[in-house]
Amino acid sequence: MNTDKNEQKVCPICGKTYTEVPPLSRKDNTILICPDCGTREAL
């Protein structure tokens, strides 16, 4: 697993760039998404 803390990733759902630890999507349990989309899916 890549441990680079400053690596920028792009959320496949909203397209937002983020650097935080990504949650796993609840919709399919395979894709990593941004923390904001993870919160929206959880609610």
C-alpha atoms as a PDB file:
ATOM      1  CA  MET A   1       0.000   0.000   0.000  1.00  0.00           C
ATOM      2  CA  ASN A   2       1.238   3.464  -0.857  1.00  0.00           C
ATOM      3  CA  THR A   3       2.018   5.471   2.281  1.00  0.00           C
ATOM      4  CA  ASP A   4       2.740   8.869   0.669  1.00  0.00           C
ATOM      5  CA  LYS A   5       0.729  11.271   2.852  1.00  0.00           C
ATOM      6  CA  ASN A   6       0.813  14.129   0.322  1.00  0.00           C
ATOM      7  CA  GLU A   7      -0.353  12.135  -2.697  1.00  0.00           C
ATOM      8  CA  GLN A   8      -3.331  13.797  -4.338  1.00  0.00           C
ATOM      9  CA  LYS A   9      -6.137  11.499  -5.402  1.00  0.00           C
ATOM     10  CA  VAL A  10      -9.268  12.252  -7.427  1.00  0.00           C
ATOM     11  CA  CYS A  11     -12.648  10.992  -6.233  1.00  0.00           C
ATOM     12  CA  PRO A  12     -14.349   8.891  -8.937  1.00  0.00           C
ATOM     13  CA  ILE A  13     -17.779  10.064  -7.750  1.00  0.00           C
ATOM     14  CA  CYS A  14     -17.469  13.859  -7.468  1.00  0.00           C
ATOM     15  CA  GLY A  15     -14.116  14.538  -9.173  1.00  0.00           C
ATOM     16  CA  LYS A  16     -12.749  16.408  -6.143  1.00  0.00           C
ATOM     17  CA  THR A  17      -9.003  16.228  -5.421  1.00  0.00           C
ATOM     18  CA  TYR A  18      -8.170  15.142  -1.875  1.00  0.00           C
ATOM     19  CA  THR A  19      -5.183  13.970   0.206  1.00  0.00           C
ATOM     20  CA  GLU A  20      -6.933  12.441   3.226  1.00  0.00           C
ATOM     21  CA  VAL A  21      -7.296   8.715   3.876  1.00  0.00           C
ATOM     22  CA  PRO A  22     -10.060   7.507   1.532  1.00  0.00           C
ATOM     23  CA  PRO A  23     -13.038   5.464   2.715  1.00  0.00           C
ATOM     24  CA  LEU A  24     -14.376   2.492   0.797  1.00  0.00           C
ATOM     25  CA  SER A  25     -17.578   3.145  -1.138  1.00  0.00           C
ATOM     26  CA  ARG A  26     -20.627   1.515   0.426  1.00  0.00           C
ATOM     27  CA  LYS A  27     -22.255   1.178  -2.995  1.00  0.00           C
ATOM     28  CA  ASP A  28     -19.888  -1.473  -4.366  1.00  0.00           C
ATOM     29  CA  ASN A  29     -17.234  -2.087  -1.668  1.00  0.00           C
ATOM     30  CA  THR A  30     -14.398  -1.839  -4.204  1.00  0.00           C
ATOM     31  CA  ILE A  31     -13.674   1.830  -4.988  1.00  0.00           C
ATOM     32  CA  LEU A  32     -11.990   4.384  -2.758  1.00  0.00           C
ATOM     33  CA  ILE A  33     -13.788   7.720  -2.563  1.00  0.00           C
ATOM     34  CA  CYS A  34     -13.159  11.116  -0.968  1.00  0.00           C
ATOM     35  CA  PRO A  35     -14.098  11.636   2.689  1.00  0.00           C
ATOM     36  CA  ASP A  36     -16.959  13.985   1.726  1.00  0.00           C
ATOM     37  CA  CYS A  37     -18.609  11.384  -0.528  1.00  0.00           C
ATOM     38  CA  GLY A  38     -17.997   8.757   2.152  1.00  0.00           C
ATOM     39  CA  THR A  39     -19.878  10.888   4.661  1.00  0.00           C
ATOM     40  CA  ARG A  40     -22.744  11.432   2.201  1.00  0.00           C
ATOM     41  CA  GLU A  41     -23.020   7.688   1.553  1.00  0.00           C
ATOM     42  CA  ALA A  42     -23.017   6.949   5.285  1.00  0.00           C
ATOM     43  CA  LEU A  43     -25.853   9.393   5.929  1.00  0.00           C
END
